[in-house]
Protein backbone atom coordinates (compact mmCIF):
# COMPACT_ATOMS: atom_id res chain seq x y z
CA MET A 1 0.11 0.09 0.18
CA PHE A 2 0.70 3.33 -1.08
CA VAL A 3 1.74 6.03 2.44
CA LYS A 4 3.55 8.47 0.81
CA LEU A 5 3.57 9.86 -2.47
CA LEU A 6 6.19 11.77 -3.97
CA ALA A 7 5.59 14.43 -7.17
CA ALA A 8 7.72 17.33 -8.21
CA THR A 9 6.74 20.24 -10.01
CA ASP A 10 8.84 22.83 -11.92
CA GLY A 11 5.83 24.36 -13.63
CA SER A 12 5.62 22.36 -17.24
CA GLU A 13 3.13 20.79 -18.24
CA VAL A 14 5.24 17.58 -17.99
CA ALA A 15 5.44 18.58 -14.26
CA ASN A 16 1.67 19.71 -14.04
CA ALA A 17 0.28 16.37 -15.24
CA ALA A 18 2.55 13.94 -12.92
CA ILE A 19 1.12 16.58 -10.07
CA ASP A 20 -2.29 16.16 -11.38
CA HIS A 21 -1.80 12.05 -10.90
CA ALA A 22 0.15 12.17 -7.93
CA ILE A 23 -2.95 14.38 -6.29
CA GLU A 24 -5.94 11.90 -7.38
CA LEU A 25 -3.90 8.89 -5.84
CA ALA A 26 -2.99 10.16 -2.53
CA ARG A 27 -6.99 11.54 -2.54
CA ASP A 28 -8.04 7.80 -3.41
CA LEU A 29 -5.44 6.17 -1.11
CA GLN A 30 -5.36 8.81 1.30
CA ALA A 31 -2.06 8.88 1.50
CA GLN A 32 0.43 12.03 2.25
CA LEU A 33 1.67 13.74 -0.76
CA LEU A 34 5.04 15.47 -0.85
CA ILE A 35 5.61 18.08 -3.47
CA VAL A 36 9.17 19.34 -4.02
CA SER A 37 10.37 21.70 -6.38
CA ALA A 38 14.34 22.05 -7.35
CA TYR A 39 15.73 25.51 -8.25
CA GLU A 40 19.31 27.01 -9.46
CA PRO A 41 20.58 29.73 -7.40
CA VAL A 42 21.24 32.95 -9.36
CA ALA A 43 24.89 34.39 -8.95
CA TYR A 44 24.19 38.03 -7.15
CA VAL A 45 25.30 40.08 -9.74
CA ARG A 46 22.86 39.28 -12.23
CA SER A 47 20.26 38.98 -10.00
CA ARG A 48 21.32 42.86 -8.72
CA GLU A 49 20.87 43.93 -12.22
CA GLN A 50 17.43 42.30 -12.44
CA LEU A 51 16.55 43.95 -9.96
CA LEU A 52 16.58 46.85 -10.72
CA GLU A 53 14.43 46.55 -14.20
CA VAL A 54 12.20 44.17 -12.44
CA PRO A 55 8.52 45.78 -11.45
CA ALA A 56 7.99 46.22 -7.79
CA ASP A 57 4.73 43.08 -7.64
CA ARG A 58 7.48 40.95 -9.68
CA LEU A 59 10.50 41.19 -7.97
CA TRP A 60 9.86 37.43 -6.78
CA THR A 61 10.51 36.33 -10.23
CA VAL A 62 14.28 37.06 -9.88
CA ASN A 63 15.17 34.46 -6.93
CA PRO A 64 14.39 31.29 -8.25
CA ARG A 65 13.84 29.65 -4.52
CA ASP A 66 10.66 32.19 -4.71
CA LYS A 67 9.79 31.04 -8.14
CA ALA A 68 10.05 27.36 -6.41
CA LEU A 69 7.93 28.42 -3.44
CA ALA A 70 4.90 30.19 -5.45
CA LEU A 71 4.96 26.57 -7.83
CA LEU A 72 4.49 24.49 -4.21
CA ASP A 73 2.37 27.30 -3.04
CA ARG A 74 -0.24 26.52 -6.37
CA ALA A 75 0.71 22.76 -6.31
CA ALA A 76 -0.91 22.23 -2.51
CA GLU A 77 -3.50 24.18 -3.41
CA ARG A 78 -4.54 22.05 -6.36
CA ALA A 79 -4.08 19.31 -3.92
CA ARG A 80 -5.98 20.69 -0.90
CA GLU A 81 -8.92 21.80 -3.22
CA ALA A 82 -8.71 18.20 -4.60
CA GLY A 83 -9.07 16.37 -0.88
CA VAL A 84 -5.65 16.06 -0.30
CA SER A 85 -5.27 16.81 3.93
CA ALA A 86 -1.70 15.73 4.51
CA ILE A 87 0.48 17.76 2.13
CA GLU A 88 4.19 18.92 2.47
CA THR A 89 5.98 21.14 -0.28
CA HIS A 90 10.12 20.85 -0.65
CA ALA A 91 12.21 23.52 -2.37
CA ARG A 92 15.10 22.55 -2.84
CA GLU A 93 18.07 23.87 -4.45
CA GLY A 94 20.16 21.81 -7.04
CA ASP A 95 19.51 19.26 -9.82
CA ALA A 96 16.01 18.29 -10.21
CA ALA A 97 16.30 14.20 -10.08
CA ASP A 98 19.15 14.93 -6.48
CA ALA A 99 16.10 16.96 -5.10
CA ILE A 100 13.22 14.61 -5.77
CA LEU A 101 15.95 11.16 -4.49
CA ASP A 102 16.94 12.52 -1.89
CA VAL A 103 13.48 13.55 -0.24
CA ALA A 104 11.52 10.74 -0.83
CA GLU A 105 14.48 9.08 0.72
CA GLU A 106 14.57 11.03 3.79
CA HIS A 107 10.81 10.76 4.39
CA ASP A 108 10.79 7.38 3.56
CA CYS A 109 7.92 7.37 0.10
CA ASP A 110 6.22 4.38 -1.05
CA LEU A 111 6.00 6.11 -4.27
CA ILE A 112 7.52 8.42 -6.91
CA VAL A 113 5.26 10.07 -9.53
CA VAL A 114 7.69 11.58 -12.33
CA GLY A 115 6.65 13.63 -15.83
CA HIS A 116 7.80 12.33 -19.10
CA ARG A 117 7.28 13.63 -22.58
CA GLY A 118 8.03 10.95 -24.50
CA MET A 119 11.37 10.93 -27.39
CA THR A 120 11.79 9.16 -29.78
CA GLY A 121 14.71 8.34 -32.47
CA ALA A 122 18.91 8.45 -31.36
CA LYS A 123 17.44 11.70 -28.87
CA ARG A 124 15.75 9.29 -26.09
CA PHE A 125 19.81 7.89 -25.82
CA LEU A 126 21.74 11.44 -26.10
CA LEU A 127 19.29 13.07 -23.52
CA GLY A 128 19.71 12.41 -20.30
CA SER A 129 16.16 12.55 -18.31
CA VAL A 130 14.72 13.39 -14.56
CA PRO A 131 12.37 10.60 -15.21
CA ASN A 132 15.54 7.56 -16.09
CA LYS A 133 17.97 9.28 -13.44
CA ILE A 134 15.13 8.29 -10.33
CA SER A 135 14.16 5.06 -12.07
CA HIS A 136 17.67 4.22 -12.00
CA HIS A 137 17.97 5.10 -8.21
CA ALA A 138 14.71 5.82 -6.69
CA PRO A 139 14.60 3.78 -2.81
CA CYS A 140 10.98 3.28 -3.83
CA SER A 141 8.59 2.58 -6.25
CA VAL A 142 7.84 4.81 -9.43
CA LEU A 143 5.22 6.23 -11.75
CA ILE A 144 6.21 7.55 -14.85
CA VAL A 145 3.25 9.50 -16.21
CA ARG A 146 3.48 9.98 -20.30
CA THR A 147 2.51 13.34 -21.28
CA GLY A 148 2.80 12.81 -25.22
């Protein structure tokens, strides 16, 4: 039985499909849902220059951590609206796959739900992917939601 489910979001269509599946599963199984968003830090010089050009109401977009937190808030709200009561969010600095794997291991998750856009031909062998890394290193079961 799945008690703790983990899904990740970067705001993309693929991630949203995975989040939707995870929300549905968590609701139906009455499981806890952990939602992760990874972000890369922005160099101080770059962010300082951007601050001068950004309208005050959009300043949060300059800081990648704030963007990740906003994505997590939206995903958690969708889960609450769907009837999931136990929700945790985690913003992690660094590589997306590593962030997902770390949270899954730290919280003893039973299932990781990730999205994947189907690729054909040489692309599927040349491109590293988050689902590929997770499927090979996950400490639990993995559900890969194919979105295209």
